[in-house]
Amino acid sequence: MLKSFYHFLMKYRHPKPSNAISQFANDAFLDHGFPKNSEDYDELSRYLELNGQYLPSMTVFDDAWEMYLLHEKR
């Protein structure tokens, strides 16, 4: 069974984030409205464009999404 993007992203949570992906994971964890069960790029990007003020740039999401595709959607 395929993991949701959120579930995948949670692997990168870290108490002292050393990169933008880890910071994104920490912030998404604290975002109670994050679409936790979604595997859909468009749904997630729309959500983050409206609610992801914690993202310095949507490029961080795009980079994380590419990692998700490589690791989860083989």
C-alpha atoms as a PDB file:
ATOM      1  CA  MET A   1       0.000   0.000   0.000  1.00  0.00           C
ATOM      2  CA  LEU A   2       1.196   3.462  -0.911  1.00  0.00           C
ATOM      3  CA  LYS A   3       2.105   5.861   1.876  1.00  0.00           C
ATOM      4  CA  SER A   4       0.554   9.298   1.864  1.00  0.00           C
ATOM      5  CA  PHE A   5       2.881  12.199   1.162  1.00  0.00           C
ATOM      6  CA  TYR A   6       2.492  13.344   4.779  1.00  0.00           C
ATOM      7  CA  HIS A   7       3.470   9.906   6.105  1.00  0.00           C
ATOM      8  CA  PHE A   8       6.522   9.918   3.838  1.00  0.00           C
ATOM      9  CA  LEU A   9       7.460  13.466   4.896  1.00  0.00           C
ATOM     10  CA  MET A  10       7.348  12.577   8.590  1.00  0.00           C
ATOM     11  CA  LYS A  11      10.528  10.497   8.116  1.00  0.00           C
ATOM     12  CA  TYR A  12      12.355  13.827   7.828  1.00  0.00           C
ATOM     13  CA  ARG A  13      11.170  15.383  11.099  1.00  0.00           C
ATOM     14  CA  HIS A  14      14.084  16.378  13.279  1.00  0.00           C
ATOM     15  CA  PRO A  15      14.358  18.376  16.528  1.00  0.00           C
ATOM     16  CA  LYS A  16      17.175  20.414  14.991  1.00  0.00           C
ATOM     17  CA  PRO A  17      16.353  20.583  11.281  1.00  0.00           C
ATOM     18  CA  SER A  18      19.482  20.927   9.189  1.00  0.00           C
ATOM     19  CA  ASN A  19      17.744  21.514   5.858  1.00  0.00           C
ATOM     20  CA  ALA A  20      14.561  22.878   4.309  1.00  0.00           C
ATOM     21  CA  ILE A  21      12.925  19.446   3.959  1.00  0.00           C
ATOM     22  CA  SER A  22      13.342  18.708   7.674  1.00  0.00           C
ATOM     23  CA  GLN A  23      11.957  22.137   8.534  1.00  0.00           C
ATOM     24  CA  PHE A  24       9.007  21.510   6.185  1.00  0.00           C
ATOM     25  CA  ALA A  25       8.349  18.162   7.906  1.00  0.00           C
ATOM     26  CA  ASN A  26       8.396  19.807  11.335  1.00  0.00           C
ATOM     27  CA  ASP A  27       6.045  22.572  10.191  1.00  0.00           C
ATOM     28  CA  ALA A  28       3.665  20.174   8.405  1.00  0.00           C
ATOM     29  CA  PHE A  29       3.488  18.110  11.602  1.00  0.00           C
ATOM     30  CA  LEU A  30       2.276  21.216  13.467  1.00  0.00           C
ATOM     31  CA  ASP A  31      -0.209  22.118  10.695  1.00  0.00           C
ATOM     32  CA  HIS A  32      -3.422  20.429  11.860  1.00  0.00           C
ATOM     33  CA  GLY A  33      -5.158  21.134   8.554  1.00  0.00           C
ATOM     34  CA  PHE A  34      -2.505  19.460   6.393  1.00  0.00           C
ATOM     35  CA  PRO A  35      -4.094  16.852   4.060  1.00  0.00           C
ATOM     36  CA  LYS A  36      -2.526  13.896   5.838  1.00  0.00           C
ATOM     37  CA  ASN A  37      -4.000  11.158   3.642  1.00  0.00           C
ATOM     38  CA  SER A  38      -3.354  12.741   0.261  1.00  0.00           C
ATOM     39  CA  GLU A  39      -1.183  11.262  -2.478  1.00  0.00           C
ATOM     40  CA  ASP A  40      -2.272  13.952  -4.963  1.00  0.00           C
ATOM     41  CA  TYR A  41       0.206  16.631  -6.063  1.00  0.00           C
ATOM     42  CA  ASP A  42      -2.472  19.146  -7.105  1.00  0.00           C
ATOM     43  CA  GLU A  43      -4.424  18.844  -3.861  1.00  0.00           C
ATOM     44  CA  LEU A  44      -1.274  19.242  -1.781  1.00  0.00           C
ATOM     45  CA  SER A  45       0.156  22.146  -3.777  1.00  0.00           C
ATOM     46  CA  ARG A  46      -3.187  24.017  -3.676  1.00  0.00           C
ATOM     47  CA  TYR A  47      -3.372  23.506   0.073  1.00  0.00           C
ATOM     48  CA  LEU A  48       0.193  24.728   0.606  1.00  0.00           C
ATOM     49  CA  GLU A  49      -0.249  27.760  -1.656  1.00  0.00           C
ATOM     50  CA  LEU A  50      -3.173  28.852   0.522  1.00  0.00           C
ATOM     51  CA  ASN A  51      -2.001  27.633   3.942  1.00  0.00           C
ATOM     52  CA  GLY A  52       1.722  26.929   3.795  1.00  0.00           C
ATOM     53  CA  GLN A  53       2.996  30.269   5.037  1.00  0.00           C
ATOM     54  CA  TYR A  54       5.714  28.302   6.824  1.00  0.00           C
ATOM     55  CA  LEU A  55       7.239  27.275   3.472  1.00  0.00           C
ATOM     56  CA  PRO A  56       9.956  29.703   2.351  1.00  0.00           C
ATOM     57  CA  SER A  57       9.261  28.620  -1.251  1.00  0.00           C
ATOM     58  CA  MET A  58       7.080  26.089  -3.062  1.00  0.00           C
ATOM     59  CA  THR A  59      10.368  24.702  -4.396  1.00  0.00           C
ATOM     60  CA  VAL A  60      10.792  22.989  -1.016  1.00  0.00           C
ATOM     61  CA  PHE A  61       7.503  21.141  -1.583  1.00  0.00           C
ATOM     62  CA  ASP A  62       8.469  20.302  -5.168  1.00  0.00           C
ATOM     63  CA  ASP A  63      11.803  18.867  -4.007  1.00  0.00           C
ATOM     64  CA  ALA A  64      10.073  16.813  -1.303  1.00  0.00           C
ATOM     65  CA  TRP A  65       7.492  15.615  -3.844  1.00  0.00           C
ATOM     66  CA  GLU A  66      10.270  14.408  -6.179  1.00  0.00           C
ATOM     67  CA  MET A  67      11.785  12.462  -3.283  1.00  0.00           C
ATOM     68  CA  TYR A  68       8.339  11.008  -2.519  1.00  0.00           C
ATOM     69  CA  LEU A  69       7.912   9.858  -6.123  1.00  0.00           C
ATOM     70  CA  LEU A  70      11.352   8.247  -6.147  1.00  0.00           C
ATOM     71  CA  HIS A  71      10.876   6.410  -2.857  1.00  0.00           C
ATOM     72  CA  GLU A  72       7.175   5.597  -2.707  1.00  0.00           C
ATOM     73  CA  LYS A  73       5.765   5.390  -6.225  1.00  0.00           C
ATOM     74  CA  ARG A  74       8.154   2.860  -7.701  1.00  0.00           C
END
